[in-house]
C-alpha atoms as a PDB file:
ATOM      1  CA  UNK A   1     -14.284   3.531  -4.274  1.00  0.00           C
ATOM      2  CA  UNK A   2     -11.102   1.541  -4.707  1.00  0.00           C
ATOM      3  CA  UNK A   3     -10.638  -1.335  -7.112  1.00  0.00           C
ATOM      4  CA  UNK A   4      -7.021  -2.396  -6.694  1.00  0.00           C
ATOM      5  CA  UNK A   5      -6.135  -5.538  -4.738  1.00  0.00           C
ATOM      6  CA  UNK A   6      -2.331  -5.324  -4.636  1.00  0.00           C
ATOM      7  CA  UNK A   7      -0.671  -2.304  -3.035  1.00  0.00           C
ATOM      8  CA  UNK A   8       3.045  -2.157  -3.790  1.00  0.00           C
ATOM      9  CA  UNK A   9       4.908  -0.070  -1.220  1.00  0.00           C
ATOM     10  CA  UNK A  10       8.119   1.197  -2.776  1.00  0.00           C
ATOM     11  CA  UNK A  11      11.667   0.838  -1.509  1.00  0.00           C
ATOM     12  CA  UNK A  12      13.977   1.638  -4.383  1.00  0.00           C
ATOM     13  CA  UNK A  13      16.960   0.271  -2.426  1.00  0.00           C
ATOM     14  CA  UNK A  14      15.420  -3.214  -2.582  1.00  0.00           C
ATOM     15  CA  UNK A  15      15.203  -3.226  -6.378  1.00  0.00           C
ATOM     16  CA  UNK A  16      17.705  -5.111  -8.510  1.00  0.00           C
ATOM     17  CA  UNK A  17      17.017  -2.643 -11.319  1.00  0.00           C
ATOM     18  CA  UNK A  18      15.577   0.862 -11.440  1.00  0.00           C
ATOM     19  CA  UNK A  19      12.293   1.346  -9.623  1.00  0.00           C
ATOM     20  CA  UNK A  20      10.685   2.787 -12.747  1.00  0.00           C
ATOM     21  CA  UNK A  21      11.650  -0.247 -14.829  1.00  0.00           C
ATOM     22  CA  UNK A  22      10.274  -2.663 -12.231  1.00  0.00           C
ATOM     23  CA  UNK A  23       6.992  -0.767 -11.944  1.00  0.00           C
ATOM     24  CA  UNK A  24       6.610  -0.585 -15.710  1.00  0.00           C
ATOM     25  CA  UNK A  25       6.911  -4.368 -15.986  1.00  0.00           C
ATOM     26  CA  UNK A  26       4.510  -4.940 -13.093  1.00  0.00           C
ATOM     27  CA  UNK A  27       1.923  -2.564 -14.533  1.00  0.00           C
ATOM     28  CA  UNK A  28       2.078  -4.329 -17.888  1.00  0.00           C
ATOM     29  CA  UNK A  29       1.854  -7.833 -16.406  1.00  0.00           C
ATOM     30  CA  UNK A  30      -0.891  -7.456 -13.809  1.00  0.00           C
ATOM     31  CA  UNK A  31      -4.585  -7.356 -14.749  1.00  0.00           C
ATOM     32  CA  UNK A  32      -5.928  -3.830 -15.353  1.00  0.00           C
ATOM     33  CA  UNK A  33      -6.982  -2.186 -12.112  1.00  0.00           C
ATOM     34  CA  UNK A  34      -5.255  -4.727  -9.879  1.00  0.00           C
ATOM     35  CA  UNK A  35      -2.259  -2.623  -8.834  1.00  0.00           C
ATOM     36  CA  UNK A  36      -1.680   0.574  -6.887  1.00  0.00           C
ATOM     37  CA  UNK A  37       1.669   2.012  -5.801  1.00  0.00           C
ATOM     38  CA  UNK A  38       2.422   3.670  -2.478  1.00  0.00           C
ATOM     39  CA  UNK A  39       5.472   5.890  -2.982  1.00  0.00           C
ATOM     40  CA  UNK A  40       7.359   5.558   0.310  1.00  0.00           C
ATOM     41  CA  UNK A  41      10.950   6.796   0.034  1.00  0.00           C
ATOM     42  CA  UNK A  42      11.515   8.434   3.395  1.00  0.00           C
ATOM     43  CA  UNK A  43      15.174   9.272   2.781  1.00  0.00           C
ATOM     44  CA  UNK A  44      14.342  11.631  -0.084  1.00  0.00           C
ATOM     45  CA  UNK A  45      13.880  15.377   0.235  1.00  0.00           C
ATOM     46  CA  UNK A  46      10.539  16.863  -0.744  1.00  0.00           C
ATOM     47  CA  UNK A  47      11.923  18.016  -4.092  1.00  0.00           C
ATOM     48  CA  UNK A  48      13.510  14.649  -4.884  1.00  0.00           C
ATOM     49  CA  UNK A  49      10.310  12.833  -3.920  1.00  0.00           C
ATOM     50  CA  UNK A  50       8.282  15.193  -6.101  1.00  0.00           C
ATOM     51  CA  UNK A  51      10.587  14.567  -9.077  1.00  0.00           C
ATOM     52  CA  UNK A  52      10.427  10.804  -8.532  1.00  0.00           C
ATOM     53  CA  UNK A  53       6.621  10.979  -8.337  1.00  0.00           C
ATOM     54  CA  UNK A  54       6.526  12.775 -11.691  1.00  0.00           C
ATOM     55  CA  UNK A  55       8.870  10.197 -13.242  1.00  0.00           C
ATOM     56  CA  UNK A  56       6.732   7.317 -11.988  1.00  0.00           C
ATOM     57  CA  UNK A  57       3.514   8.988 -13.124  1.00  0.00           C
ATOM     58  CA  UNK A  58       4.874   9.038 -16.654  1.00  0.00           C
ATOM     59  CA  UNK A  59       5.361   5.293 -16.379  1.00  0.00           C
ATOM     60  CA  UNK A  60       2.164   4.356 -14.556  1.00  0.00           C
ATOM     61  CA  UNK A  61      -0.483   6.845 -15.695  1.00  0.00           C
ATOM     62  CA  UNK A  62      -0.795   5.256 -19.172  1.00  0.00           C
ATOM     63  CA  UNK A  63      -1.463   1.911 -17.445  1.00  0.00           C
ATOM     64  CA  UNK A  64      -4.075   3.402 -15.105  1.00  0.00           C
ATOM     65  CA  UNK A  65      -2.043   2.573 -11.974  1.00  0.00           C
ATOM     66  CA  UNK A  66      -2.677   5.077  -9.150  1.00  0.00           C
ATOM     67  CA  UNK A  67       0.210   6.459  -7.083  1.00  0.00           C
ATOM     68  CA  UNK A  68      -0.347   7.338  -3.434  1.00  0.00           C
ATOM     69  CA  UNK A  69       2.423   9.281  -1.705  1.00  0.00           C
ATOM     70  CA  UNK A  70       3.248   8.199   1.823  1.00  0.00           C
ATOM     71  CA  UNK A  71       2.805  10.955   4.415  1.00  0.00           C
ATOM     72  CA  UNK A  72       3.623  13.877   2.091  1.00  0.00           C
ATOM     73  CA  UNK A  73       0.312  15.479   1.191  1.00  0.00           C
ATOM     74  CA  UNK A  74       2.169  18.446  -0.286  1.00  0.00           C
ATOM     75  CA  UNK A  75       4.063  16.224  -2.721  1.00  0.00           C
ATOM     76  CA  UNK A  76       0.950  14.265  -3.666  1.00  0.00           C
ATOM     77  CA  UNK A  77      -0.930  17.458  -4.474  1.00  0.00           C
ATOM     78  CA  UNK A  78       1.951  19.156  -6.282  1.00  0.00           C
ATOM     79  CA  UNK A  79       2.663  16.125  -8.460  1.00  0.00           C
ATOM     80  CA  UNK A  80      -1.003  15.459  -9.186  1.00  0.00           C
ATOM     81  CA  UNK A  81      -0.916  11.967  -7.700  1.00  0.00           C
ATOM     82  CA  UNK A  82      -4.078   9.942  -7.166  1.00  0.00           C
ATOM     83  CA  UNK A  83      -3.777   9.815  -3.424  1.00  0.00           C
ATOM     84  CA  UNK A  84      -1.904  10.024  -0.160  1.00  0.00           C
ATOM     85  CA  UNK A  85      -1.214   7.311   2.420  1.00  0.00           C
ATOM     86  CA  UNK A  86      -1.178   8.565   6.009  1.00  0.00           C
ATOM     87  CA  UNK A  87       0.814   6.929   8.826  1.00  0.00           C
ATOM     88  CA  UNK A  88      -1.159   6.052  11.936  1.00  0.00           C
ATOM     89  CA  UNK A  89       0.574   8.932  13.723  1.00  0.00           C
ATOM     90  CA  UNK A  90       0.332  11.296  10.755  1.00  0.00           C
ATOM     91  CA  UNK A  91      -2.118  13.977   9.669  1.00  0.00           C
ATOM     92  CA  UNK A  92      -5.757  13.692  10.691  1.00  0.00           C
ATOM     93  CA  UNK A  93      -7.623  12.160   7.724  1.00  0.00           C
ATOM     94  CA  UNK A  94     -10.530  14.572   8.272  1.00  0.00           C
ATOM     95  CA  UNK A  95      -8.193  17.540   7.834  1.00  0.00           C
ATOM     96  CA  UNK A  96      -6.726  15.970   4.699  1.00  0.00           C
ATOM     97  CA  UNK A  97     -10.168  15.255   3.245  1.00  0.00           C
ATOM     98  CA  UNK A  98     -11.087  18.904   3.716  1.00  0.00           C
ATOM     99  CA  UNK A  99      -8.399  19.968   1.211  1.00  0.00           C
ATOM    100  CA  UNK A 100      -7.716  16.856  -0.877  1.00  0.00           C
ATOM    101  CA  UNK A 101     -10.276  15.150  -3.131  1.00  0.00           C
ATOM    102  CA  UNK A 102      -8.126  12.127  -4.008  1.00  0.00           C
ATOM    103  CA  UNK A 103      -7.726   8.705  -2.434  1.00  0.00           C
ATOM    104  CA  UNK A 104      -6.756   8.640   1.239  1.00  0.00           C
ATOM    105  CA  UNK A 105      -5.202   5.563   2.820  1.00  0.00           C
ATOM    106  CA  UNK A 106      -4.228   5.055   6.456  1.00  0.00           C
ATOM    107  CA  UNK A 107      -1.864   2.705   8.247  1.00  0.00           C
ATOM    108  CA  UNK A 108      -3.307   0.912  11.287  1.00  0.00           C
ATOM    109  CA  UNK A 109      -1.561  -1.269  13.830  1.00  0.00           C
ATOM    110  CA  UNK A 110      -4.421  -2.163  16.164  1.00  0.00           C
ATOM    111  CA  UNK A 111      -8.018  -3.325  15.979  1.00  0.00           C
ATOM    112  CA  UNK A 112      -9.056  -0.181  17.850  1.00  0.00           C
ATOM    113  CA  UNK A 113      -7.504   2.147  15.274  1.00  0.00           C
ATOM    114  CA  UNK A 114      -9.045   0.172  12.419  1.00  0.00           C
ATOM    115  CA  UNK A 115     -12.457   0.359  14.079  1.00  0.00           C
ATOM    116  CA  UNK A 116     -12.196   4.144  14.439  1.00  0.00           C
ATOM    117  CA  UNK A 117     -11.649   4.810  10.719  1.00  0.00           C
ATOM    118  CA  UNK A 118     -14.255   7.087   9.171  1.00  0.00           C
ATOM    119  CA  UNK A 119     -15.213   6.026   5.626  1.00  0.00           C
ATOM    120  CA  UNK A 120     -16.059   9.650   4.840  1.00  0.00           C
ATOM    121  CA  UNK A 121     -12.370  10.477   5.247  1.00  0.00           C
ATOM    122  CA  UNK A 122     -10.492   7.216   4.573  1.00  0.00           C
ATOM    123  CA  UNK A 123     -10.873   5.078   1.452  1.00  0.00           C
ATOM    124  CA  UNK A 124      -8.810   2.090   2.609  1.00  0.00           C
ATOM    125  CA  UNK A 125      -6.297   1.141   5.299  1.00  0.00           C
ATOM    126  CA  UNK A 126      -3.429  -1.253   5.819  1.00  0.00           C
ATOM    127  CA  UNK A 127      -3.359  -3.438   8.917  1.00  0.00           C
ATOM    128  CA  UNK A 128      -0.289  -5.060  10.351  1.00  0.00           C
ATOM    129  CA  UNK A 129       2.270  -6.300  10.673  1.00  0.00           C
ATOM    130  CA  UNK A 130       0.320  -9.524  10.289  1.00  0.00           C
ATOM    131  CA  UNK A 131       3.480 -11.653  10.265  1.00  0.00           C
ATOM    132  CA  UNK A 132       7.014 -10.918  11.389  1.00  0.00           C
ATOM    133  CA  UNK A 133       9.070  -8.770   9.030  1.00  0.00           C
ATOM    134  CA  UNK A 134      12.135  -6.609   9.680  1.00  0.00           C
ATOM    135  CA  UNK A 135      10.635  -3.539   8.000  1.00  0.00           C
ATOM    136  CA  UNK A 136       7.650  -3.484  10.384  1.00  0.00           C
ATOM    137  CA  UNK A 137       9.218  -4.422  13.747  1.00  0.00           C
ATOM    138  CA  UNK A 138       9.140  -0.772  14.805  1.00  0.00           C
ATOM    139  CA  UNK A 139       5.334  -1.015  14.829  1.00  0.00           C
ATOM    140  CA  UNK A 140       5.229  -3.807  17.385  1.00  0.00           C
ATOM    141  CA  UNK A 141       5.003  -7.600  17.376  1.00  0.00           C
ATOM    142  CA  UNK A 142       3.084  -9.422  14.648  1.00  0.00           C
ATOM    143  CA  UNK A 143      -0.682  -9.009  14.971  1.00  0.00           C
ATOM    144  CA  UNK A 144      -1.448 -12.446  13.578  1.00  0.00           C
ATOM    145  CA  UNK A 145      -4.286 -13.663  11.409  1.00  0.00           C
ATOM    146  CA  UNK A 146      -6.777 -13.658  14.250  1.00  0.00           C
ATOM    147  CA  UNK A 147      -6.296  -9.952  14.901  1.00  0.00           C
ATOM    148  CA  UNK A 148      -6.555  -9.248  11.183  1.00  0.00           C
ATOM    149  CA  UNK A 149      -9.918 -10.996  11.146  1.00  0.00           C
ATOM    150  CA  UNK A 150     -11.054  -8.915  14.139  1.00  0.00           C
ATOM    151  CA  UNK A 151      -9.870  -5.705  12.487  1.00  0.00           C
ATOM    152  CA  UNK A 152     -11.703  -6.492   9.255  1.00  0.00           C
ATOM    153  CA  UNK A 153     -14.908  -7.185  11.187  1.00  0.00           C
ATOM    154  CA  UNK A 154     -14.563  -3.914  13.115  1.00  0.00           C
ATOM    155  CA  UNK A 155     -13.490  -1.668  10.238  1.00  0.00           C
ATOM    156  CA  UNK A 156     -15.852   0.296   8.040  1.00  0.00           C
ATOM    157  CA  UNK A 157     -13.231   0.652   5.291  1.00  0.00           C
ATOM    158  CA  UNK A 158     -11.451  -2.054   3.249  1.00  0.00           C
ATOM    159  CA  UNK A 159      -8.305  -3.403   4.920  1.00  0.00           C
ATOM    160  CA  UNK A 160      -5.106  -4.515   3.218  1.00  0.00           C
ATOM    161  CA  UNK A 161      -2.926  -6.991   5.077  1.00  0.00           C
ATOM    162  CA  UNK A 162       0.716  -5.933   5.389  1.00  0.00           C
ATOM    163  CA  UNK A 163       3.830  -7.354   7.011  1.00  0.00           C
ATOM    164  CA  UNK A 164       5.659 -10.560   6.159  1.00  0.00           C
ATOM    165  CA  UNK A 165       3.219 -11.617   3.463  1.00  0.00           C
ATOM    166  CA  UNK A 166       4.715 -13.848   0.780  1.00  0.00           C
ATOM    167  CA  UNK A 167       4.056 -17.172  -0.950  1.00  0.00           C
ATOM    168  CA  UNK A 168       4.292 -19.112   2.311  1.00  0.00           C
ATOM    169  CA  UNK A 169       2.055 -16.885   4.428  1.00  0.00           C
ATOM    170  CA  UNK A 170      -0.492 -15.484   1.953  1.00  0.00           C
ATOM    171  CA  UNK A 171      -2.679 -18.636   2.053  1.00  0.00           C
ATOM    172  CA  UNK A 172      -3.231 -18.036   5.781  1.00  0.00           C
ATOM    173  CA  UNK A 173      -5.150 -14.845   4.975  1.00  0.00           C
ATOM    174  CA  UNK A 174      -8.012 -16.755   3.372  1.00  0.00           C
ATOM    175  CA  UNK A 175     -11.242 -16.348   5.302  1.00  0.00           C
ATOM    176  CA  UNK A 176     -10.242 -13.163   7.139  1.00  0.00           C
ATOM    177  CA  UNK A 177     -12.245 -10.849   4.866  1.00  0.00           C
ATOM    178  CA  UNK A 178      -9.154  -8.846   3.873  1.00  0.00           C
ATOM    179  CA  UNK A 179      -9.487  -6.668   0.767  1.00  0.00           C
ATOM    180  CA  UNK A 180      -5.964  -7.115  -0.591  1.00  0.00           C
ATOM    181  CA  UNK A 181      -2.258  -7.371   0.118  1.00  0.00           C
ATOM    182  CA  UNK A 182       0.292  -4.619   0.653  1.00  0.00           C
ATOM    183  CA  UNK A 183       3.870  -5.733   0.053  1.00  0.00           C
ATOM    184  CA  UNK A 184       7.401  -4.388  -0.211  1.00  0.00           C
ATOM    185  CA  UNK A 185      10.284  -6.857  -0.163  1.00  0.00           C
ATOM    186  CA  UNK A 186       8.198  -9.864  -1.226  1.00  0.00           C
ATOM    187  CA  UNK A 187       7.995  -8.204  -4.638  1.00  0.00           C
ATOM    188  CA  UNK A 188      10.829  -5.699  -4.942  1.00  0.00           C
ATOM    189  CA  UNK A 189      13.367  -7.974  -3.275  1.00  0.00           C
ATOM    190  CA  UNK A 190      12.452 -10.952  -5.434  1.00  0.00           C
ATOM    191  CA  UNK A 191      14.619 -12.167  -8.291  1.00  0.00           C
ATOM    192  CA  UNK A 192      11.342 -12.303 -10.250  1.00  0.00           C
ATOM    193  CA  UNK A 193       9.229  -9.302  -9.196  1.00  0.00           C
ATOM    194  CA  UNK A 194       6.578  -9.947 -11.838  1.00  0.00           C
ATOM    195  CA  UNK A 195       6.148 -13.565 -10.824  1.00  0.00           C
ATOM    196  CA  UNK A 196       6.018 -12.597  -7.156  1.00  0.00           C
ATOM    197  CA  UNK A 197       3.403  -9.902  -7.810  1.00  0.00           C
ATOM    198  CA  UNK A 198       1.262 -12.212  -9.895  1.00  0.00           C
ATOM    199  CA  UNK A 199       1.428 -14.850  -7.174  1.00  0.00           C
ATOM    200  CA  UNK A 200       0.294 -12.423  -4.477  1.00  0.00           C
ATOM    201  CA  UNK A 201      -2.376 -10.939  -6.719  1.00  0.00           C
ATOM    202  CA  UNK A 202      -3.803 -14.420  -7.242  1.00  0.00           C
ATOM    203  CA  UNK A 203      -4.159 -14.736  -3.453  1.00  0.00           C
ATOM    204  CA  UNK A 204      -6.251 -11.578  -3.182  1.00  0.00           C
ATOM    205  CA  UNK A 205     -10.047 -11.718  -3.195  1.00  0.00           C
ATOM    206  CA  UNK A 206     -11.495 -11.133  -6.630  1.00  0.00           C
END
């Protein structure tokens, strides 16, 4: 069972200060249980990612904010993180569930993939890109709000909208049945990350 509504996907290069400092302020400002962090720093080696995960756990564990490591099940397990987030083309969630008792997330980029998710193996998924965003163009053209609504109706696990979601686009998600918002640059690239996170959190279903 997941309770968070805002999934912050990390990109330390987008931060105007250290990633740990930004996350500490976000964890303190957001309502308890509202935030989760997906640690996605693909340029780091396994050891560097493991060390960063430990550093961030020291910041976030006291606030009850779960960390899910993108793709690297080995790092998630070694660092004692709450979960792992699997790319659509990554490890089979059933194989991961067989060895990992924590949270398992999955990226999806089509209604068909969202519909095929097994709730026995996957706790939540992201769906997108909903809107155009440079960081998600590799995953195809924007899906749009209509496809998000279809994916939510077809999925047996909660879906988080991702891709180009900010103050101007978040209101369009209303009525789709989405569980929450996953964001990167809308928060970390903002001059006011806390204000941006609070604004997106307010747009998530309660």
